[in-house]
Amino acid sequence: MSDLSRADTDRSLAVGQRAIELMKAYGSSASPRSYAVWYTYVSGHQPLLNEAVKRIAAEHGALRDDTIEVLYDTYLDSRRQVVETERAGTTLLSEMEQVLEMLDVALGSTARYGASLQAFSQDIVAPTVNRARLRDLVASLIVATRDVTADNRTLEARMRESREEIRSLHEMLEAVRVESLTDPLTGIGNRKLFEEVLHKAVGDAVANRQSIALIVLDIDHFKRFNDVYGHLTGDRVLRLVALTMREMVDSRATIARFGGEEFGVIVPYGGRDDALDLAERIRTSVMGRELVKRSSGESLGRVTVSVGVAAYRAGDTAVSLIERADQCMFAAKRSGRNRVVVDESGLDVTQVA
């Protein structure tokens, strides 16, 4: 076994041992799901899970089996999104069926009321009508009016309830959709979101002759962070880059982690120069942040990124745009890293010492 493989094994065993210690400390049983929850907590791969565990532990001082089941189903079970979507769809169909039934009742009530009005209009002009008959007709009309008013009030109340239920279902489905498009480690978009937005942006550029650009960046020497300091430190590097991108990019652009240590920014405005300026600001901002070991305060060095920029050209597809941005990013790597390379004739290089 190589030294690196041995180091990875030792780290995983250390994470596992710590997970078992926490299981004992917080009263969790030694079930596979419990181990999975605590192992993920120690590894730090699911920030949202860690926040939930800390909150529950602070409130209750323990994580019993029922809580572990909820945490596992919420954060680790890959089937949850499918199950929640199916449940929401079933509930929505049920709500719509009930609303349709209520509408049928209301329409029937309205039809009957219309018939009553027509009969009243005919009877009131009949030559045989007298005061007593008129009183009976008015009384029957009042009863019919009360009935249709009551039916309408019931329908209105039911529609309000359905509106709230459908709104809740919409919010839940939106939360599931957002989660399915989010990278759990960094909290930014994942590859699925990146590909969806890029295909749409290229389509819009073709249809509306809009200018779009793509920035691709890769963390320099990322493997070294993992090999020397461990995967937890590697995860911190990924989160640091994602946080920097969030701070530098406005809401019109889309940021995503679409590979191990590879990130992308889809810029649906401006062109090459705007994207180049943004790429350079991201690069310098990442480089300006020092990574420090939390336990000792030891400096682990600075993180740098190599960046490629490509602007949309007539005839481009999402694939060709990615390929050109990737080629520029690899050119930045070959040229010494920690720089931006722009896709154009001769490949202009912006370098910071």
Foldseek 3Di string as FASTA:
>chain_A
DDPLVVVQVVVLVVLQVVLVVVCVQQVEDPDPLSSVLSSCLSLLQFVVSVVVVVVCCVVPVHQYPVNSVVSCLVGPDPCNLVVLVVVLVVVLVVLVVVLVVLVVVLVVLVVVLVVLVVVLVVVVPDPPDDPVNNVVSVVVNVVSVVVSVVSVVVSVVSVVVSVVSNVVSVVVNVVSVQVVQANRLQRFGEQVVVVVVLQVLVVCCQVVVFKKKKKKKFKPPLVVCCSPVNVSSSSVLLNLLSVLLVVLDDPQWGKYDYDDRMIMIIGSHDYQVVVQVSVLSSQVVQQPDWDADPVPRHTPHGIGMQMFMEMDDPPDGSVNNVVQRVVQSVVCVVVPGSWYWYDDVPIDTGHDD
